[in-house]
Amino acid sequence: AGEMNAEFGWEYAARRGQFHIYRSPAGSGPELHTDPRVQALAIKALERRQIHQLLSLLLILGVNLFAVHLRGGSLLLSAAAAGLPITLLTAFLALWLLADPVREAVHLGRLKKRLAAGQPLRHDGDWRKGRTGYYARRLIHLLLFLTWLLVLLHLWTGKVEGRGKEALADYKGILPFADMRDFAAGDFNLSEPEVTWLDMPHSSVTDESNAFVRRYVDLAENARILRPDGTALDGGLYVTYFDARWEWLARALAGEFLRVDRRKTGRRWWEPLGCPDFGLDGAVAYRNDLHFPCVVLRQGRVVLRAMFYQTGPGEDMPPEQGAGILGDALR
């Protein structure tokens, strides 16, 4: 075949995959292998490779999503807390990765169908225009990926450095829900209680808003609340609070809180607890994988998930009592 091609003015240049590439220095060599049905066989191999590439991408995305699910993670909760830019960028990048092989597979399928029908290839187009578009798509893809990495790195370093978190001792805002001082109050007036913060690096609050939620609060409170009679409440309260912009999102977030905790806890240790509705749109109580009481409450567009534990002697507040205190604040 090489000698015959040389007789027609073509010389061997290189091999790429299954293809042998020839060139005609004089530019006058007649076109080789012009039978459309023979050309369709080569296109079929390319089409098969594109389909395999697309299936591989779908498999990788599916495995990663399933791994997040198995680890008890939640794309919905993460998106609601992180906001719109990184969520849109991630979704757009995933669609871009899928769109390119889909577009090429569709193009090759049409081309193969044309050749199989005996219609020759068209040579009236300018290949330079296609080359420009190809490199432009690759450049956009690279820029999107680098931007996504930079944004992800910024969010990760912010989480490590505690960016956006504020020590509870320095927090001047007003929480939209009850905290441990309300839990300790009972019949006492604790407008200015004596509070000793425990585990100070982790007694903090994040108070933000974004395109998905009007307010996002993440509270980690470890404290000792001293009452006027000398008794104290020792323990911790962890709350994640969303004031969603849409009620359907609040319902979805409430369901996601339950799904994530149920997944982490497992069937063997999952323990539902009795919980009145407190006049709210939704109220569910249970014990999590740490065997601490948890509650998920929803009222309209507001949803919160709270975990409360006590460490002091003689303290044993029923879970429904803590849920009621939190529910009163939501109403």
Protein backbone atom coordinates (compact mmCIF):
# COMPACT_ATOMS: atom_id res chain seq x y z
CA ALA A 1 0.00 0.00 0.00
CA GLY A 2 2.88 2.37 0.79
CA GLU A 3 4.49 1.86 -2.64
CA MET A 4 1.18 2.40 -4.42
CA ASN A 5 0.53 5.60 -2.48
CA ALA A 6 4.03 6.82 -3.31
CA GLU A 7 3.32 6.29 -7.02
CA PHE A 8 0.36 8.66 -6.71
CA GLY A 9 2.51 11.35 -5.03
CA TRP A 10 1.84 10.61 -1.36
CA GLU A 11 4.51 9.99 1.27
CA TYR A 12 4.06 8.42 4.71
CA ALA A 13 4.08 11.00 7.56
CA ALA A 14 3.01 9.37 10.83
CA ARG A 15 0.62 7.08 12.58
CA ARG A 16 -2.00 8.17 15.09
CA GLY A 17 -3.96 5.41 16.77
CA GLN A 18 -5.52 3.24 14.07
CA PHE A 19 -4.80 5.79 11.34
CA HIS A 20 -1.81 6.08 8.96
CA ILE A 21 -1.25 9.66 7.82
CA TYR A 22 0.13 10.52 4.39
CA ARG A 23 1.03 13.87 2.89
CA SER A 24 1.49 15.21 -0.63
CA PRO A 25 4.33 17.79 -0.67
CA ALA A 26 3.40 18.94 -4.16
CA GLY A 27 -0.25 19.21 -3.21
CA SER A 28 -1.29 17.49 -6.41
CA GLY A 29 -1.76 13.91 -5.26
CA PRO A 30 -5.18 12.41 -6.06
CA GLU A 31 -7.44 11.67 -3.10
CA LEU A 32 -6.98 8.16 -1.69
CA HIS A 33 -9.68 5.74 -0.55
CA THR A 34 -12.58 7.69 -2.04
CA ASP A 35 -15.16 4.92 -1.72
CA PRO A 36 -17.74 6.40 0.72
CA ARG A 37 -18.62 2.99 2.19
CA VAL A 38 -14.95 2.30 2.98
CA GLN A 39 -14.69 5.74 4.55
CA ALA A 40 -17.79 4.96 6.62
CA LEU A 41 -15.92 2.05 8.24
CA ALA A 42 -13.22 4.43 9.49
CA ILE A 43 -15.87 6.87 10.75
CA LYS A 44 -17.55 4.01 12.60
CA ALA A 45 -14.37 3.40 14.62
CA LEU A 46 -14.20 7.10 15.53
CA GLU A 47 -17.88 7.14 16.47
CA ARG A 48 -17.42 4.11 18.71
CA ARG A 49 -14.50 5.81 20.46
CA GLN A 50 -16.57 8.96 21.08
CA ILE A 51 -19.42 6.92 22.55
CA HIS A 52 -16.98 5.12 24.86
CA GLN A 53 -15.57 8.49 25.96
CA LEU A 54 -19.07 9.78 26.73
CA LEU A 55 -19.99 6.64 28.68
CA SER A 56 -16.71 6.90 30.63
CA LEU A 57 -17.50 10.51 31.60
CA LEU A 58 -21.01 9.55 32.68
CA LEU A 59 -19.59 6.67 34.72
CA ILE A 60 -17.00 8.92 36.41
CA LEU A 61 -19.64 11.54 37.29
CA GLY A 62 -22.02 8.85 38.53
CA VAL A 63 -19.37 7.18 40.69
CA ASN A 64 -18.38 10.51 42.23
CA LEU A 65 -22.00 11.44 42.98
CA PHE A 66 -22.60 8.01 44.49
CA ALA A 67 -19.43 8.32 46.60
CA VAL A 68 -20.68 11.65 47.96
CA HIS A 69 -24.01 9.99 48.73
CA LEU A 70 -22.37 7.05 50.53
CA ARG A 71 -20.19 9.34 52.63
CA GLY A 72 -23.32 11.07 53.87
CA GLY A 73 -22.60 14.20 51.88
CA SER A 74 -25.24 16.33 50.24
CA LEU A 75 -24.89 18.38 47.07
CA LEU A 76 -28.09 20.24 47.93
CA LEU A 77 -26.99 21.26 51.44
CA SER A 78 -23.53 22.18 50.17
CA ALA A 79 -24.99 24.30 47.35
CA ALA A 80 -27.37 26.10 49.71
CA ALA A 81 -24.46 26.98 52.03
CA ALA A 82 -21.87 27.77 49.31
CA GLY A 83 -24.08 29.91 47.10
CA LEU A 84 -24.74 30.37 43.41
CA PRO A 85 -21.32 31.07 41.77
CA ILE A 86 -19.57 27.78 42.62
CA THR A 87 -22.80 25.80 42.08
CA LEU A 88 -23.36 27.25 38.59
CA LEU A 89 -19.69 26.91 37.69
CA THR A 90 -19.63 23.25 38.74
CA ALA A 91 -22.85 22.46 36.87
CA PHE A 92 -21.70 24.31 33.74
CA LEU A 93 -18.33 22.57 33.74
CA ALA A 94 -19.97 19.15 34.09
CA LEU A 95 -22.37 19.93 31.21
CA TRP A 96 -19.47 21.23 29.11
CA LEU A 97 -17.52 18.01 29.67
CA LEU A 98 -20.55 16.01 28.52
CA ALA A 99 -21.58 18.31 25.66
CA ASP A 100 -18.32 18.05 23.72
CA PRO A 101 -18.34 14.25 23.20
CA VAL A 102 -22.11 14.36 22.56
CA ARG A 103 -21.67 16.99 19.85
CA GLU A 104 -18.82 15.04 18.22
CA ALA A 105 -20.69 11.72 18.42
CA VAL A 106 -23.76 13.29 16.73
CA HIS A 107 -21.57 14.82 14.01
CA LEU A 108 -19.77 11.52 13.34
CA GLY A 109 -23.09 9.64 13.28
CA ARG A 110 -24.46 11.94 10.58
CA LEU A 111 -21.24 11.70 8.61
CA LYS A 112 -21.21 7.90 8.79
CA LYS A 113 -24.85 7.77 7.66
CA ARG A 114 -24.02 9.97 4.66
CA LEU A 115 -21.05 7.82 3.64
CA ALA A 116 -22.95 4.55 4.15
CA ALA A 117 -25.57 5.86 1.73
CA GLY A 118 -22.85 6.25 -0.91
CA GLN A 119 -22.64 10.05 -0.74
CA PRO A 120 -19.04 11.35 -0.92
CA LEU A 121 -17.46 13.68 1.60
CA ARG A 122 -17.82 17.40 0.98
CA HIS A 123 -14.61 19.39 0.54
CA ASP A 124 -16.07 22.87 0.05
CA GLY A 125 -15.62 23.95 3.69
CA ASP A 126 -12.68 25.86 5.14
CA TRP A 127 -10.92 23.57 7.62
CA ARG A 128 -9.17 26.57 9.16
CA LYS A 129 -12.50 27.84 10.54
CA GLY A 130 -13.10 24.48 12.20
CA ARG A 131 -9.60 24.54 13.64
CA THR A 132 -10.23 27.97 15.19
CA GLY A 133 -13.44 26.76 16.80
CA TYR A 134 -11.74 23.61 18.09
CA TYR A 135 -8.93 25.51 19.81
CA ALA A 136 -11.38 28.11 21.13
CA ARG A 137 -13.46 25.38 22.78
CA ARG A 138 -10.36 23.81 24.28
CA LEU A 139 -9.20 27.18 25.64
CA ILE A 140 -12.62 27.93 27.17
CA HIS A 141 -12.66 24.46 28.70
CA LEU A 142 -9.21 25.02 30.24
CA LEU A 143 -10.15 28.47 31.58
CA LEU A 144 -13.38 27.14 33.08
CA PHE A 145 -11.56 24.27 34.74
CA LEU A 146 -8.85 26.55 36.17
CA THR A 147 -11.49 29.00 37.44
CA TRP A 148 -13.38 26.14 39.07
CA LEU A 149 -10.18 24.92 40.74
CA LEU A 150 -9.37 28.42 42.03
CA VAL A 151 -12.88 28.94 43.43
CA LEU A 152 -12.82 25.49 45.01
CA LEU A 153 -9.40 26.19 46.51
CA HIS A 154 -10.66 29.52 47.87
CA LEU A 155 -13.65 27.82 49.52
CA TRP A 156 -11.47 25.02 50.93
CA THR A 157 -8.85 27.37 52.37
CA GLY A 158 -11.65 29.51 53.78
CA LYS A 159 -13.07 26.49 55.55
CA VAL A 160 -9.65 25.48 56.91
CA GLU A 161 -8.87 29.02 58.04
CA GLY A 162 -12.33 29.53 59.49
CA ARG A 163 -13.04 32.39 57.09
CA GLY A 164 -16.60 33.64 57.68
CA LYS A 165 -16.69 32.14 61.18
CA GLU A 166 -16.85 34.33 64.23
CA ALA A 167 -16.17 33.37 67.82
CA LEU A 168 -19.40 33.31 69.81
CA ALA A 169 -17.81 35.51 72.46
CA ASP A 170 -17.37 38.23 69.78
CA TYR A 171 -20.66 37.73 67.92
CA LYS A 172 -22.87 40.83 68.10
CA GLY A 173 -25.68 39.61 65.87
CA ILE A 174 -29.04 38.22 66.93
CA LEU A 175 -29.58 34.52 66.30
CA PRO A 176 -32.89 33.70 64.58
CA PHE A 177 -33.39 30.69 66.87
CA ALA A 178 -32.97 29.70 70.51
CA ASP A 179 -29.53 28.99 71.93
CA MET A 180 -28.23 27.33 75.11
CA ARG A 181 -29.15 30.32 77.26
CA ASP A 182 -32.77 29.72 76.31
CA PHE A 183 -32.33 26.02 77.11
CA ALA A 184 -30.95 26.87 80.56
CA ALA A 185 -33.47 29.60 81.36
CA GLY A 186 -36.43 27.53 82.54
CA ASP A 187 -38.14 29.64 85.22
CA PHE A 188 -35.16 31.95 85.57
CA ASN A 189 -34.50 35.32 83.98
CA LEU A 190 -31.25 34.81 82.09
CA SER A 191 -31.13 38.02 80.07
CA GLU A 192 -27.46 38.37 81.07
CA PRO A 193 -26.39 34.90 82.20
CA GLU A 194 -22.91 33.95 83.25
CA VAL A 195 -21.55 32.01 80.30
CA THR A 196 -18.30 30.07 80.19
CA TRP A 197 -17.38 29.12 76.64
CA LEU A 198 -15.93 25.65 76.35
CA ASP A 199 -13.74 24.46 73.49
CA MET A 200 -13.35 28.05 72.31
CA PRO A 201 -11.98 27.35 68.78
CA HIS A 202 -15.15 25.41 68.03
CA SER A 203 -17.64 27.72 69.75
CA SER A 204 -18.37 29.80 66.71
CA VAL A 205 -21.05 31.03 64.35
CA THR A 206 -21.26 31.62 60.59
CA ASP A 207 -23.90 34.13 59.52
CA GLU A 208 -24.23 34.72 55.76
CA SER A 209 -26.67 35.03 52.85
CA ASN A 210 -26.52 34.11 49.17
CA ALA A 211 -28.65 33.66 46.07
CA PHE A 212 -30.33 30.52 47.48
CA VAL A 213 -31.02 31.58 51.06
CA ARG A 214 -31.81 34.92 52.63
CA ARG A 215 -29.89 33.82 55.70
CA TYR A 216 -27.61 30.90 56.48
CA VAL A 217 -26.46 30.40 60.07
CA ASP A 218 -24.20 27.61 61.27
CA LEU A 219 -23.81 27.54 65.06
CA ALA A 220 -21.46 25.45 67.18
CA GLU A 221 -22.03 26.28 70.85
CA ASN A 222 -20.17 24.54 73.68
CA ALA A 223 -20.81 26.29 76.96
CA ARG A 224 -21.55 26.24 80.67
CA ILE A 225 -24.54 28.42 81.64
CA LEU A 226 -24.69 29.30 85.33
CA ARG A 227 -28.18 29.86 86.76
CA PRO A 228 -29.04 32.23 89.62
CA ASP A 229 -29.64 29.28 91.98
CA GLY A 230 -26.07 28.02 91.46
CA THR A 231 -26.95 25.17 89.12
CA ALA A 232 -25.50 25.08 85.64
CA LEU A 233 -26.27 23.71 82.22
CA ASP A 234 -23.22 22.09 80.60
CA GLY A 235 -23.33 20.84 77.03
CA GLY A 236 -23.41 21.80 73.41
CA LEU A 237 -25.82 22.94 70.73
CA TYR A 238 -25.14 22.59 66.99
CA VAL A 239 -27.58 24.25 64.60
CA THR A 240 -27.66 24.66 60.83
CA TYR A 241 -30.31 27.19 59.82
CA PHE A 242 -31.58 28.16 56.37
CA ASP A 243 -34.04 30.91 55.56
CA ALA A 244 -34.65 29.81 51.98
CA ARG A 245 -35.84 32.12 49.24
CA TRP A 246 -38.48 29.58 48.17
CA GLU A 247 -40.65 27.27 50.23
CA TRP A 248 -40.01 24.29 47.92
CA LEU A 249 -36.29 24.67 48.67
CA ALA A 250 -36.97 24.66 52.43
CA ARG A 251 -38.96 21.43 52.07
CA ALA A 252 -36.15 19.87 50.03
CA LEU A 253 -33.52 20.94 52.58
CA ALA A 254 -35.54 19.48 55.46
CA GLY A 255 -35.79 16.15 53.64
CA GLU A 256 -32.07 16.26 52.86
CA PHE A 257 -31.15 16.82 56.52
CA LEU A 258 -33.06 13.66 57.42
CA ARG A 259 -31.62 11.63 54.54
CA VAL A 260 -28.03 12.57 55.39
CA ASP A 261 -28.40 11.80 59.12
CA ARG A 262 -30.21 8.54 58.41
CA ARG A 263 -27.44 7.52 56.01
CA LYS A 264 -24.71 8.36 58.53
CA THR A 265 -26.47 6.64 61.41
CA GLY A 266 -27.50 3.47 59.62
CA ARG A 267 -30.62 1.39 60.17
CA ARG A 268 -29.22 -0.40 63.19
CA TRP A 269 -28.70 2.76 65.25
CA TRP A 270 -31.37 5.05 63.79
CA GLU A 271 -33.83 5.84 66.57
CA PRO A 272 -36.89 8.01 65.84
CA LEU A 273 -38.12 10.00 68.84
CA GLY A 274 -41.60 11.21 69.60
CA CYS A 275 -42.02 14.84 68.62
CA PRO A 276 -45.13 17.06 68.56
CA ASP A 277 -45.50 19.35 65.55
CA PHE A 278 -45.47 22.46 67.80
CA GLY A 279 -47.77 24.15 65.29
CA LEU A 280 -44.99 24.10 62.67
CA ASP A 281 -45.12 22.84 59.10
CA GLY A 282 -42.76 20.00 59.99
CA ALA A 283 -41.04 18.58 63.07
CA VAL A 284 -39.02 15.33 63.29
CA ALA A 285 -36.85 14.18 66.21
CA TYR A 286 -34.36 11.28 66.32
CA ARG A 287 -31.00 10.17 67.72
CA ASN A 288 -28.04 10.38 65.36
CA ASP A 289 -24.89 8.28 64.98
CA LEU A 290 -23.45 9.87 68.16
CA HIS A 291 -26.66 8.91 69.96
CA PHE A 292 -27.42 12.57 70.62
CA PRO A 293 -30.95 13.91 70.16
CA CYS A 294 -31.50 15.81 66.92
CA VAL A 295 -34.45 17.67 65.50
CA VAL A 296 -35.36 18.99 62.05
CA LEU A 297 -37.95 21.77 62.11
CA ARG A 298 -39.55 23.67 59.24
CA GLN A 299 -41.84 26.66 59.20
CA GLY A 300 -42.62 28.13 55.78
CA ARG A 301 -39.31 28.95 54.09
CA VAL A 302 -37.27 28.44 57.28
CA VAL A 303 -35.68 25.10 58.16
CA LEU A 304 -33.17 24.13 60.83
CA ARG A 305 -31.42 21.03 61.99
CA ALA A 306 -30.24 21.03 65.63
CA MET A 307 -28.28 18.62 67.82
CA PHE A 308 -28.21 19.16 71.60
CA TYR A 309 -26.26 17.26 74.22
CA GLN A 310 -25.79 17.66 77.97
CA THR A 311 -22.75 16.72 80.04
CA GLY A 312 -23.55 18.13 83.48
CA PRO A 313 -24.74 15.93 86.39
CA GLY A 314 -28.48 15.75 86.89
CA GLU A 315 -29.28 17.35 83.52
CA ASP A 316 -31.57 15.29 81.33
CA MET A 317 -33.77 17.59 79.25
CA PRO A 318 -36.20 15.51 77.12
CA PRO A 319 -35.56 15.96 73.38
CA GLU A 320 -39.09 17.21 72.82
CA GLN A 321 -38.51 19.99 75.35
CA GLY A 322 -35.45 21.23 73.48
CA ALA A 323 -37.34 20.91 70.20
CA GLY A 324 -40.20 22.93 71.69
CA ILE A 325 -37.84 25.74 72.72
CA LEU A 326 -36.42 25.88 69.20
CA GLY A 327 -39.91 25.65 67.71
CA ASP A 328 -41.15 28.58 69.81
CA ALA A 329 -38.37 30.72 68.37
CA LEU A 330 -39.33 29.74 64.78
CA ARG A 331 -42.98 30.60 65.33
